[in-house]
N, C-alpha and C. Protein backbone atom coordinates (compact mmCIF):
# COMPACT_ATOMS: atom_id res chain seq x y z
N MET A 1 174.30 -88.65 98.33
CA MET A 1 175.01 -88.70 96.85
C MET A 1 175.52 -89.86 96.63
N VAL A 2 175.87 -91.01 97.47
CA VAL A 2 176.37 -92.04 97.21
C VAL A 2 174.86 -92.86 97.00
N GLY A 3 174.24 -93.15 97.51
CA GLY A 3 172.51 -93.47 97.51
C GLY A 3 172.17 -93.41 96.47
N ASP A 4 172.38 -92.17 95.59
CA ASP A 4 171.00 -92.05 94.78
C ASP A 4 171.49 -92.33 93.43
N GLY A 5 172.75 -93.04 93.41
CA GLY A 5 173.30 -93.43 92.12
C GLY A 5 174.60 -92.32 91.58
N ARG A 6 174.47 -91.28 92.07
CA ARG A 6 175.28 -90.12 91.57
C ARG A 6 176.96 -90.84 91.42
N LEU A 7 177.51 -91.40 92.40
CA LEU A 7 178.63 -91.85 92.36
C LEU A 7 179.21 -92.79 91.47
N GLN A 8 178.23 -93.46 91.11
CA GLN A 8 178.53 -94.47 89.69
C GLN A 8 178.41 -93.67 88.73
N LYS A 9 177.59 -92.68 88.63
CA LYS A 9 177.64 -92.13 87.38
C LYS A 9 179.16 -90.94 87.17
N HIS A 10 179.34 -90.29 88.58
CA HIS A 10 180.92 -89.65 88.63
C HIS A 10 181.96 -90.43 88.22
N THR A 11 181.86 -91.44 88.87
CA THR A 11 182.73 -92.76 88.65
C THR A 11 182.79 -93.25 87.00
N LEU A 12 181.93 -93.18 86.30
CA LEU A 12 182.04 -93.92 84.97
C LEU A 12 182.44 -92.94 84.04
N VAL A 13 181.90 -91.15 84.39
CA VAL A 13 182.66 -90.05 83.81
C VAL A 13 184.07 -90.33 83.83
N THR A 14 184.77 -90.15 85.10
CA THR A 14 186.31 -90.15 85.20
C THR A 14 187.02 -91.35 84.58
N LEU A 15 186.18 -92.70 84.78
CA LEU A 15 186.53 -93.85 84.24
C LEU A 15 186.60 -93.59 82.36
N SER A 16 185.66 -93.00 81.78
CA SER A 16 185.65 -92.62 80.55
C SER A 16 186.68 -91.59 80.12
N GLU A 17 187.31 -91.19 80.78
CA GLU A 17 188.82 -90.63 80.50
C GLU A 17 189.95 -90.85 80.93
N VAL A 18 189.60 -92.25 81.87
CA VAL A 18 191.16 -92.74 82.28
C VAL A 18 191.32 -93.65 81.32
N ILE A 19 190.40 -94.58 80.44
CA ILE A 19 190.64 -95.58 79.56
C ILE A 19 191.38 -95.12 78.34
N PRO A 20 190.39 -93.94 77.90
CA PRO A 20 191.15 -93.38 76.90
C PRO A 20 193.09 -92.67 77.17
N GLY A 21 192.52 -92.18 77.90
CA GLY A 21 193.97 -91.59 78.28
C GLY A 21 195.12 -92.54 78.57
N LEU A 22 194.97 -93.64 78.87
CA LEU A 22 195.77 -94.83 79.29
C LEU A 22 195.80 -95.53 77.54
N ILE A 23 194.87 -95.63 76.46
CA ILE A 23 195.24 -96.12 75.59
C ILE A 23 195.78 -94.94 74.44
N ILE A 24 195.80 -93.81 74.57
CA ILE A 24 196.24 -92.87 73.39
C ILE A 24 197.86 -92.78 74.02
N GLY A 25 198.18 -92.72 75.45
CA GLY A 25 199.53 -92.90 75.75
C GLY A 25 200.34 -93.97 75.17
N ILE A 26 199.41 -95.50 75.01
CA ILE A 26 200.30 -96.41 75.04
C ILE A 26 200.68 -96.28 73.21
N ILE A 27 199.46 -95.64 72.43
CA ILE A 27 199.63 -95.75 71.01
C ILE A 27 200.73 -94.72 70.94
N ILE A 28 200.97 -93.23 71.63
CA ILE A 28 202.28 -92.49 70.98
C ILE A 28 203.85 -93.10 71.49
N ALA A 29 203.21 -93.92 72.97
CA ALA A 29 204.39 -94.49 73.49
C ALA A 29 205.24 -95.50 72.74
N LEU A 30 204.36 -95.83 72.26
CA LEU A 30 204.89 -97.36 71.26
C LEU A 30 206.04 -97.01 69.91
N PRO A 31 205.35 -96.01 68.99
CA PRO A 31 206.11 -96.00 68.05
C PRO A 31 207.65 -95.21 68.42
N LEU A 32 207.17 -94.07 69.28
CA LEU A 32 208.35 -93.43 70.01
C LEU A 32 209.62 -94.13 70.39
N GLY A 33 208.98 -94.82 71.58
CA GLY A 33 209.82 -95.65 71.99
C GLY A 33 210.65 -96.59 71.19
N TYR A 34 210.51 -96.91 70.66
CA TYR A 34 211.19 -97.77 69.12
C TYR A 34 211.44 -97.19 68.62
N LEU A 35 211.51 -95.75 68.16
CA LEU A 35 212.32 -95.05 67.44
C LEU A 35 213.47 -94.94 68.40
N LEU A 36 213.37 -94.23 69.83
CA LEU A 36 214.38 -93.61 70.25
C LEU A 36 215.36 -95.15 71.01
N ALA A 37 214.92 -96.14 70.91
CA ALA A 37 215.73 -97.06 70.92
C ALA A 37 216.48 -97.54 69.95
N LYS A 38 215.93 -97.47 68.63
CA LYS A 38 216.65 -98.07 67.33
C LYS A 38 217.92 -96.71 67.19
N SER A 39 217.34 -95.97 67.37
CA SER A 39 218.12 -94.42 66.69
C SER A 39 218.94 -93.53 67.54
N GLN A 40 220.18 -93.68 67.48
CA GLN A 40 221.06 -92.81 68.24
C GLN A 40 220.89 -91.63 68.03
N LEU A 41 220.22 -91.01 66.66
CA LEU A 41 220.39 -89.49 66.03
C LEU A 41 219.07 -89.64 67.14
N ALA A 42 217.85 -90.27 66.93
CA ALA A 42 216.80 -89.56 67.34
C ALA A 42 216.83 -89.52 68.89
N ASN A 43 217.57 -90.42 69.66
CA ASN A 43 217.67 -90.35 70.98
C ASN A 43 218.62 -89.53 71.52
N LYS A 44 219.15 -88.89 70.42
CA LYS A 44 220.51 -87.39 71.57
C LYS A 44 219.24 -86.15 71.07
N LEU A 45 218.65 -86.26 69.68
CA LEU A 45 217.84 -84.80 69.44
C LEU A 45 216.24 -84.97 70.53
N ILE A 46 215.44 -86.11 70.87
CA ILE A 46 214.22 -86.03 71.28
C ILE A 46 215.24 -86.02 72.78
N SER A 47 215.71 -87.04 73.15
CA SER A 47 215.64 -87.47 74.47
C SER A 47 215.41 -86.02 75.55
N PRO A 48 216.53 -85.31 75.48
CA PRO A 48 216.45 -84.43 76.48
C PRO A 48 215.76 -83.15 76.96
N TYR A 49 215.02 -82.82 75.94
CA TYR A 49 213.64 -82.26 75.77
C TYR A 49 212.28 -83.56 76.72
N LEU A 50 212.42 -84.31 76.18
CA LEU A 50 211.48 -85.38 77.35
C LEU A 50 211.53 -85.30 78.87
N ILE A 51 213.13 -85.92 78.67
CA ILE A 51 213.58 -85.61 79.98
C ILE A 51 213.11 -84.42 80.78
N ALA A 52 213.79 -83.28 80.21
CA ALA A 52 213.26 -81.62 80.72
C ALA A 52 211.73 -81.44 80.93
N SER A 53 210.98 -81.87 79.98
CA SER A 53 209.55 -81.90 80.51
C SER A 53 209.19 -82.78 81.45
N GLN A 54 210.03 -83.76 82.00
CA GLN A 54 209.16 -84.21 83.19
C GLN A 54 209.39 -83.24 84.57
N ALA A 55 210.29 -82.41 84.62
CA ALA A 55 210.45 -81.39 85.45
C ALA A 55 209.53 -80.43 85.63
N ILE A 56 208.43 -80.48 84.64
CA ILE A 56 207.19 -79.47 84.59
C ILE A 56 206.16 -79.99 85.37
N PRO A 57 205.80 -79.55 86.32
CA PRO A 57 204.31 -80.33 87.05
C PRO A 57 203.34 -80.22 85.96
N VAL A 58 202.52 -81.88 86.23
CA VAL A 58 201.71 -81.68 85.19
C VAL A 58 200.33 -80.62 85.57
N ILE A 59 200.31 -80.40 86.94
CA ILE A 59 199.25 -79.52 87.61
C ILE A 59 199.47 -77.97 87.07
N ALA A 60 200.91 -77.64 86.67
CA ALA A 60 201.09 -76.60 85.61
C ALA A 60 200.95 -76.31 84.56
N ILE A 61 200.63 -77.75 83.80
CA ILE A 61 200.33 -77.81 82.38
C ILE A 61 198.90 -77.78 82.00
N ALA A 62 198.07 -78.40 83.27
CA ALA A 62 196.64 -78.62 82.91
C ALA A 62 196.01 -77.47 82.46
N PRO A 63 196.24 -76.04 83.29
CA PRO A 63 195.70 -75.01 82.93
C PRO A 63 195.68 -74.68 81.47
N LEU A 64 196.84 -74.72 80.84
CA LEU A 64 196.72 -74.40 79.61
C LEU A 64 196.28 -75.32 78.48
N LEU A 65 196.19 -76.23 78.95
CA LEU A 65 195.23 -77.33 77.75
C LEU A 65 193.79 -77.00 77.83
N THR A 66 193.38 -76.46 79.23
CA THR A 66 191.83 -76.26 78.63
C THR A 66 191.67 -74.71 78.03
N ILE A 67 192.78 -74.14 78.03
CA ILE A 67 193.08 -72.61 77.16
C ILE A 67 193.13 -73.28 75.49
N TRP A 68 194.06 -74.45 75.17
CA TRP A 68 194.11 -74.84 73.89
C TRP A 68 193.56 -75.90 73.52
N VAL A 69 193.14 -76.66 74.43
CA VAL A 69 191.79 -77.42 74.06
C VAL A 69 190.45 -77.38 74.50
N THR A 70 189.66 -77.06 73.89
CA THR A 70 188.08 -76.16 74.05
C THR A 70 187.66 -77.52 74.48
N SER A 71 187.42 -78.69 74.11
CA SER A 71 186.46 -79.30 74.60
C SER A 71 187.38 -79.90 75.88
N THR A 72 186.06 -79.78 77.02
CA THR A 72 186.35 -80.12 78.71
C THR A 72 186.85 -81.45 78.96
N TYR A 73 186.36 -82.41 78.05
CA TYR A 73 186.72 -84.03 78.08
C TYR A 73 188.02 -84.03 77.39
N TRP A 74 188.42 -83.94 76.37
CA TRP A 74 189.40 -84.14 75.73
C TRP A 74 190.63 -83.42 76.85
N SER A 75 190.20 -82.26 77.25
CA SER A 75 191.37 -81.61 78.04
C SER A 75 192.04 -82.46 79.51
N ARG A 76 190.89 -82.92 79.84
CA ARG A 76 191.11 -84.26 80.64
C ARG A 76 191.57 -85.32 79.97
N VAL A 77 191.38 -85.64 79.43
CA VAL A 77 191.85 -86.98 78.40
C VAL A 77 193.34 -86.85 77.91
N LEU A 78 193.77 -85.45 77.60
CA LEU A 78 195.15 -85.00 77.40
C LEU A 78 195.59 -85.16 78.52
N VAL A 79 195.53 -84.57 79.77
CA VAL A 79 196.11 -84.83 80.80
C VAL A 79 196.47 -86.11 81.38
N ALA A 80 195.79 -86.79 81.44
CA ALA A 80 195.81 -88.26 81.45
C ALA A 80 197.02 -89.01 80.70
N VAL A 81 197.13 -88.62 79.63
CA VAL A 81 198.19 -89.28 77.97
C VAL A 81 199.27 -88.55 78.64
N ILE A 82 199.20 -87.62 79.45
CA ILE A 82 201.07 -86.58 79.41
C ILE A 82 201.10 -87.65 81.05
N VAL A 83 200.65 -87.69 81.49
CA VAL A 83 201.03 -88.76 82.93
C VAL A 83 201.66 -89.99 82.62
N VAL A 84 200.73 -90.85 81.82
CA VAL A 84 201.07 -92.05 81.59
C VAL A 84 201.85 -92.03 80.36
N PHE A 85 202.14 -91.25 79.81
CA PHE A 85 203.28 -91.36 78.13
C PHE A 85 204.47 -91.86 78.56
N PHE A 86 205.14 -91.32 79.70
CA PHE A 86 206.72 -91.17 80.29
C PHE A 86 207.13 -92.54 80.90
N PRO A 87 206.11 -92.64 81.57
CA PRO A 87 206.84 -94.41 82.06
C PRO A 87 206.59 -95.35 81.19
N ILE A 88 205.67 -95.52 80.35
CA ILE A 88 205.68 -96.29 79.23
C ILE A 88 206.46 -96.23 78.17
N LEU A 89 206.86 -94.96 77.96
CA LEU A 89 208.02 -94.85 76.77
C LEU A 89 209.09 -95.35 77.66
N VAL A 90 209.44 -95.08 78.98
CA VAL A 90 210.72 -95.42 79.48
C VAL A 90 210.97 -97.23 79.44
N ASN A 91 210.01 -97.55 79.85
CA ASN A 91 209.94 -99.55 79.99
C ASN A 91 209.98 -99.74 78.33
N ILE A 92 209.10 -99.04 77.63
CA ILE A 92 209.53 -99.39 76.02
C ILE A 92 211.03 -99.64 75.48
N ILE A 93 211.64 -98.65 75.70
CA ILE A 93 213.25 -98.10 75.34
C ILE A 93 213.82 -99.17 76.25
N ALA A 94 213.40 -99.32 77.26
CA ALA A 94 214.45 -100.07 78.09
C ALA A 94 214.31 -101.65 77.93
N GLY A 95 213.55 -102.01 77.30
CA GLY A 95 212.91 -103.30 77.02
C GLY A 95 213.49 -103.84 75.75
N LEU A 96 213.69 -102.94 74.94
CA LEU A 96 213.86 -103.08 73.59
C LEU A 96 215.71 -103.18 73.80
N ARG A 97 216.18 -102.09 74.75
CA ARG A 97 217.71 -102.30 74.66
C ARG A 97 218.18 -103.51 75.20
N ALA A 98 217.30 -103.67 76.11
CA ALA A 98 217.84 -105.20 76.87
C ALA A 98 217.82 -106.51 76.23
N VAL A 99 217.96 -106.12 74.80
CA VAL A 99 217.85 -107.38 74.06
C VAL A 99 219.34 -107.57 73.65
N PRO A 100 219.80 -108.75 74.67
CA PRO A 100 221.27 -109.53 73.90
C PRO A 100 221.60 -108.70 72.41
N PRO A 101 223.02 -108.23 72.14
CA PRO A 101 223.41 -107.97 71.08
C PRO A 101 223.91 -109.42 70.21
N GLU A 102 224.00 -110.38 70.68
CA GLU A 102 224.49 -111.85 70.03
C GLU A 102 223.14 -112.46 69.58
N MET A 103 222.08 -111.99 70.26
CA MET A 103 220.91 -112.65 69.67
C MET A 103 220.47 -111.88 67.95
N TYR A 104 220.60 -110.35 68.18
CA TYR A 104 220.50 -109.88 66.58
C TYR A 104 221.75 -110.40 65.54
N GLU A 105 223.00 -110.77 66.36
CA GLU A 105 223.98 -111.26 65.42
C GLU A 105 223.27 -112.86 65.14
N LEU A 106 222.70 -113.40 65.90
CA LEU A 106 222.34 -114.99 65.61
C LEU A 106 221.18 -114.62 64.16
N MET A 107 220.51 -113.91 64.94
CA MET A 107 219.54 -113.50 63.59
C MET A 107 219.51 -113.07 62.17
N VAL A 108 220.69 -112.22 62.29
CA VAL A 108 221.31 -111.59 60.74
C VAL A 108 221.71 -112.71 60.27
N SER A 109 222.65 -113.81 60.98
CA SER A 109 223.69 -114.64 60.66
C SER A 109 222.48 -116.13 59.93
N LEU A 110 221.19 -115.49 60.43
CA LEU A 110 220.00 -116.44 59.49
C LEU A 110 219.42 -116.20 58.68
N ARG A 111 219.87 -114.82 58.34
CA ARG A 111 218.85 -113.88 57.31
C ARG A 111 217.66 -113.60 57.27
N ALA A 112 217.38 -113.18 58.71
CA ALA A 112 216.31 -113.03 59.42
C ALA A 112 216.14 -111.41 58.28
N THR A 113 214.64 -111.16 58.03
CA THR A 113 214.68 -109.43 57.43
C THR A 113 214.03 -108.67 58.79
N ARG A 114 214.12 -108.11 58.75
CA ARG A 114 213.62 -106.67 59.51
C ARG A 114 212.59 -106.78 60.18
N TRP A 115 211.41 -107.40 59.66
CA TRP A 115 210.43 -107.93 60.25
C TRP A 115 210.35 -108.92 60.76
N GLN A 116 211.48 -109.93 60.31
CA GLN A 116 211.29 -111.33 61.58
C GLN A 116 212.08 -110.92 62.77
N ILE A 117 213.11 -110.03 62.26
CA ILE A 117 213.72 -109.80 63.72
C ILE A 117 212.63 -108.94 64.94
N PHE A 118 212.28 -108.00 64.24
CA PHE A 118 211.35 -107.32 65.48
C PHE A 118 210.08 -108.12 65.88
N GLN A 119 209.67 -109.23 65.11
CA GLN A 119 208.49 -110.31 65.48
C GLN A 119 208.96 -111.28 66.20
N LYS A 120 209.86 -111.79 65.91
CA LYS A 120 210.39 -112.71 66.63
C LYS A 120 211.62 -112.86 67.46
N LEU A 121 212.07 -111.72 67.81
CA LEU A 121 213.26 -111.20 68.59
C LEU A 121 212.83 -110.13 69.56
N GLU A 122 212.70 -109.03 69.21
CA GLU A 122 212.48 -107.79 69.90
C GLU A 122 211.33 -107.93 70.68
N ILE A 123 210.15 -108.21 70.01
CA ILE A 123 208.58 -108.30 71.06
C ILE A 123 209.10 -109.01 71.69
N PRO A 124 209.22 -110.19 71.61
CA PRO A 124 208.94 -111.67 72.81
C PRO A 124 210.01 -110.77 73.87
N ALA A 125 211.45 -110.55 73.68
CA ALA A 125 212.20 -109.96 74.17
C ALA A 125 211.68 -108.69 75.48
N ALA A 126 211.36 -108.04 74.95
CA ALA A 126 210.79 -106.34 75.46
C ALA A 126 209.35 -106.66 76.11
N LEU A 127 208.91 -107.78 75.93
CA LEU A 127 207.51 -107.80 76.15
C LEU A 127 207.14 -108.08 77.88
N PRO A 128 208.00 -108.35 78.64
CA PRO A 128 207.46 -108.33 80.08
C PRO A 128 208.17 -107.05 80.39
N ILE A 129 209.32 -106.53 79.96
CA ILE A 129 209.39 -104.96 80.57
C ILE A 129 208.40 -103.98 80.29
N VAL A 130 208.32 -104.09 78.85
CA VAL A 130 206.59 -103.30 78.65
C VAL A 130 205.60 -103.25 79.30
N LEU A 131 204.83 -104.69 79.50
CA LEU A 131 203.92 -104.88 80.16
C LEU A 131 203.76 -104.43 81.50
N ALA A 132 205.30 -104.12 82.35
CA ALA A 132 205.67 -103.82 83.39
C ALA A 132 205.24 -102.17 83.51
N GLY A 133 205.88 -101.49 82.31
CA GLY A 133 205.29 -100.04 82.31
C GLY A 133 203.98 -99.88 82.27
N LEU A 134 203.21 -100.50 81.28
CA LEU A 134 201.84 -100.62 81.60
C LEU A 134 200.83 -100.72 82.44
N LYS A 135 201.44 -101.50 83.60
CA LYS A 135 200.75 -101.57 84.99
C LYS A 135 200.82 -100.28 85.55
N VAL A 136 202.37 -99.69 85.78
CA VAL A 136 202.44 -98.26 86.13
C VAL A 136 201.66 -97.64 85.58
N GLY A 137 201.59 -97.63 83.97
CA GLY A 137 200.93 -96.42 83.49
C GLY A 137 199.35 -96.65 83.71
N ALA A 138 198.64 -97.72 84.01
CA ALA A 138 196.92 -97.97 84.23
C ALA A 138 197.00 -97.12 85.30
N THR A 139 198.03 -97.17 86.30
CA THR A 139 197.58 -96.84 87.72
C THR A 139 197.77 -95.04 87.60
N LEU A 140 198.72 -94.86 86.84
CA LEU A 140 198.84 -93.36 86.93
C LEU A 140 197.73 -92.37 86.02
N SER A 141 197.08 -93.60 84.90
CA SER A 141 195.67 -92.48 84.35
C SER A 141 194.71 -92.27 85.14
N VAL A 142 194.54 -92.80 86.46
CA VAL A 142 193.78 -92.37 87.46
C VAL A 142 193.90 -91.04 87.80
N ILE A 143 195.13 -91.03 88.50
CA ILE A 143 195.65 -89.60 88.96
C ILE A 143 195.48 -88.46 87.47
N GLY A 144 196.19 -88.91 86.28
CA GLY A 144 196.00 -88.13 85.38
C GLY A 144 194.51 -87.40 85.40
N ALA A 145 193.52 -88.48 85.10
CA ALA A 145 192.13 -88.08 85.15
C ALA A 145 192.02 -86.85 85.91
N LEU A 146 192.30 -87.60 87.44
CA LEU A 146 191.61 -86.71 88.44
C LEU A 146 192.50 -85.57 88.75
N VAL A 147 193.49 -85.02 87.94
CA VAL A 147 194.21 -83.79 88.05
C VAL A 147 193.42 -83.00 86.88
N GLY A 148 193.21 -83.42 85.56
CA GLY A 148 192.00 -83.00 84.53
C GLY A 148 190.93 -82.25 84.90
N GLU A 149 190.45 -83.23 86.12
CA GLU A 149 189.01 -82.52 86.51
C GLU A 149 189.39 -81.48 87.34
N PHE A 150 190.51 -81.76 88.41
CA PHE A 150 190.20 -80.71 89.62
C PHE A 150 190.71 -79.37 88.72
N VAL A 151 191.39 -79.10 87.22
CA VAL A 151 191.67 -78.23 86.74
C VAL A 151 190.14 -77.76 86.27
N GLN A 152 189.45 -78.49 85.46
CA GLN A 152 188.31 -78.48 84.68
C GLN A 152 187.13 -79.04 85.11
N PRO A 153 186.72 -78.62 86.57
CA PRO A 153 185.77 -79.67 87.35
C PRO A 153 184.71 -79.43 86.71
N LYS A 154 184.00 -78.37 86.42
CA LYS A 154 182.71 -78.52 85.56
C LYS A 154 181.28 -79.08 86.50
N THR A 155 181.09 -80.36 86.09
CA THR A 155 180.21 -80.88 87.11
C THR A 155 179.61 -81.92 87.14
N ALA A 156 180.85 -82.92 86.50
CA ALA A 156 180.73 -84.42 86.79
C ALA A 156 182.31 -85.02 86.64
N GLY A 157 182.62 -85.88 87.24
CA GLY A 157 183.60 -86.41 87.79
C GLY A 157 183.81 -87.17 89.00
N LEU A 158 184.81 -87.80 89.25
CA LEU A 158 185.36 -87.82 90.68
C LEU A 158 185.79 -86.75 91.54
N GLY A 159 187.05 -85.89 90.50
CA GLY A 159 187.63 -85.02 91.14
C GLY A 159 186.91 -83.85 91.51
N PHE A 160 185.42 -83.81 90.27
CA PHE A 160 184.33 -82.24 90.95
C PHE A 160 184.09 -83.05 92.07
N MET A 161 183.36 -84.20 92.13
CA MET A 161 182.67 -84.77 93.63
C MET A 161 183.58 -84.50 94.38
N LEU A 162 184.80 -84.65 94.49
CA LEU A 162 185.87 -84.29 95.54
C LEU A 162 185.99 -83.02 95.84
N ILE A 163 185.84 -82.12 94.92
CA ILE A 163 186.02 -80.86 95.30
C ILE A 163 184.75 -80.31 96.23
N THR A 164 183.85 -80.83 95.86
CA THR A 164 182.59 -80.51 95.74
C THR A 164 182.48 -80.80 97.79
N ALA A 165 182.67 -81.95 97.87
CA ALA A 165 183.15 -82.65 99.03
C ALA A 165 183.73 -81.86 100.07
N ARG A 166 184.88 -81.26 99.50
CA ARG A 166 185.59 -80.82 100.27
C ARG A 166 185.04 -79.26 101.01
N PHE A 167 184.63 -78.67 99.73
CA PHE A 167 184.05 -77.20 100.25
C PHE A 167 182.51 -77.37 100.97
N GLN A 168 182.44 -78.66 100.89
CA GLN A 168 180.76 -78.37 102.10
C GLN A 168 181.55 -79.27 103.11
N PHE A 169 182.75 -79.61 103.32
CA PHE A 169 183.27 -80.29 104.87
C PHE A 169 182.70 -81.60 104.72
N LYS A 170 182.19 -82.19 103.85
CA LYS A 170 181.58 -83.80 103.94
C LYS A 170 182.82 -84.59 104.31
N THR A 171 183.25 -85.12 105.17
CA THR A 171 184.97 -86.10 105.19
C THR A 171 184.56 -86.99 104.92
N ASP A 172 183.22 -87.76 105.32
CA ASP A 172 182.83 -89.10 104.88
C ASP A 172 182.66 -89.42 103.38
N LEU A 173 182.35 -88.50 102.43
CA LEU A 173 182.34 -88.25 101.35
C LEU A 173 183.71 -88.08 100.70
N VAL A 174 184.39 -87.51 101.23
CA VAL A 174 185.93 -87.35 100.55
C VAL A 174 186.49 -88.77 100.46
N PHE A 175 186.32 -89.57 102.01
CA PHE A 175 187.22 -90.58 101.62
C PHE A 175 186.37 -91.84 100.96
N VAL A 176 184.98 -91.74 100.66
CA VAL A 176 184.36 -92.46 99.89
C VAL A 176 185.00 -92.44 98.48
N VAL A 177 184.99 -91.26 98.24
CA VAL A 177 185.69 -90.86 96.76
C VAL A 177 187.09 -91.24 96.51
N LEU A 178 187.90 -90.90 97.50
CA LEU A 178 189.24 -91.52 97.70
C LEU A 178 189.21 -92.93 97.79
N PHE A 179 188.62 -93.81 98.35
CA PHE A 179 188.30 -94.97 98.20
C PHE A 179 187.95 -95.50 96.97
N THR A 180 187.20 -95.02 96.36
CA THR A 180 186.85 -95.46 94.94
C THR A 180 187.77 -95.18 93.91
N LEU A 181 188.43 -94.16 93.88
CA LEU A 181 189.95 -93.81 93.10
C LEU A 181 190.86 -95.05 93.38
N ALA A 182 191.06 -95.02 94.32
CA ALA A 182 191.76 -96.24 94.93
C ALA A 182 191.56 -97.45 94.36
N ALA A 183 189.97 -98.06 94.08
CA ALA A 183 189.46 -98.93 93.90
C ALA A 183 189.63 -98.90 92.19
N MET A 184 189.82 -98.36 91.67
CA MET A 184 189.85 -97.91 89.90
C MET A 184 191.14 -98.07 89.81
N ALA A 185 192.25 -97.43 90.29
CA ALA A 185 193.42 -97.84 90.10
C ALA A 185 194.11 -99.25 90.16
N LEU A 186 193.12 -99.80 91.08
CA LEU A 186 193.46 -101.34 91.35
C LEU A 186 193.08 -102.12 90.37
N VAL A 187 192.01 -101.79 90.05
CA VAL A 187 190.89 -102.40 88.67
C VAL A 187 191.73 -102.55 87.79
N MET A 188 192.02 -101.03 87.43
CA MET A 188 193.21 -100.75 85.87
C MET A 188 194.41 -101.76 86.29
N TYR A 189 195.20 -102.00 87.32
CA TYR A 189 196.36 -102.43 87.25
C TYR A 189 195.66 -104.15 87.39
N ALA A 190 194.90 -104.76 87.59
CA ALA A 190 194.84 -106.00 87.67
C ALA A 190 194.31 -106.57 86.33
N MET A 191 193.73 -105.65 85.47
CA MET A 191 193.27 -105.82 84.16
C MET A 191 194.95 -105.94 83.29
N VAL A 192 195.42 -105.18 83.53
CA VAL A 192 196.57 -104.97 82.86
C VAL A 192 197.53 -106.43 83.28
N ALA A 193 197.63 -106.43 84.57
CA ALA A 193 198.18 -107.77 85.06
C ALA A 193 197.65 -109.32 84.50
N LEU A 194 196.03 -109.44 84.56
CA LEU A 194 195.75 -110.27 83.62
C LEU A 194 196.03 -110.10 82.19
N LEU A 195 196.02 -109.37 81.57
CA LEU A 195 196.88 -109.39 80.19
C LEU A 195 198.12 -110.06 79.81
N GLU A 196 198.75 -109.34 81.64
CA GLU A 196 200.41 -109.65 80.95
C GLU A 196 200.16 -111.10 81.38
N ARG A 197 199.88 -111.96 82.28
CA ARG A 197 200.03 -113.21 82.17
C ARG A 197 199.39 -113.95 81.03
N ARG A 198 198.30 -113.67 80.68
CA ARG A 198 197.87 -114.14 79.46
C ARG A 198 198.70 -114.18 77.90
N VAL A 199 199.11 -113.07 78.27
CA VAL A 199 200.56 -112.90 77.10
C VAL A 199 201.39 -113.43 77.33
N LEU A 200 202.41 -113.88 78.08
CA LEU A 200 203.46 -114.42 78.58
C LEU A 200 203.45 -115.70 78.33
N ARG A 201 202.18 -116.70 78.98
CA ARG A 201 201.70 -117.76 78.57
C ARG A 201 201.65 -118.32 77.33
N TRP A 202 200.90 -116.93 76.31
CA TRP A 202 200.83 -117.65 74.84
C TRP A 202 202.23 -117.15 74.53
N GLN A 203 202.98 -116.68 74.87
CA GLN A 203 204.11 -116.53 74.37
C GLN A 203 205.59 -117.68 74.51
N GLN A 204 205.07 -118.42 75.88
CA GLN A 204 205.94 -119.56 76.13
C GLN A 204 205.43 -120.72 75.50
N GLN A 205 204.07 -120.86 75.46
CA GLN A 205 203.58 -121.79 74.65
C GLN A 205 203.49 -121.92 73.08
N ARG A 206 204.50 -120.92 72.33
CA ARG A 206 204.33 -120.56 70.85
C ARG A 206 205.49 -121.69 70.54
């Protein structure tokens, strides 16, 4: 299974779920995180439900997604989204709340517009913490996709490969899959870390 190219095939299937899961999680977390950081009302109304949702194991939600989402592929991606969403959201909120109040006062005294405050103050100040959250989310996206594949194994993905190896008592193949998953998580982390270095370097040069 490893030498005939099937490992690469299953790896690409899982990767095709990991990357969209991470991207969609970021797209959802960014505006919601900004809303919760800036609006006390929204924070009071929404945050308790978000926190309570984290007490529900993803493995318990995943089977429901297979019922609600008829597409096997998108149900797997959605599990990855759920896993990466909350850590990224928390870091976005923390990053925005870390902006010193006196900096806001300075921007207001300079008659900066709301867009200028967002662009010149909030983004640069929050960026390091937000990018740290993205690194966590990048590694968790692999776990999310794997959980989705456990629930919806079908015939493709590293999750399917792991289940097959386990039932066939192929311990060597189990370790190969685990090593591949670890390598995938490291690559995802390294990509975000590289993005972090370049963005922060560009920010310092401005």
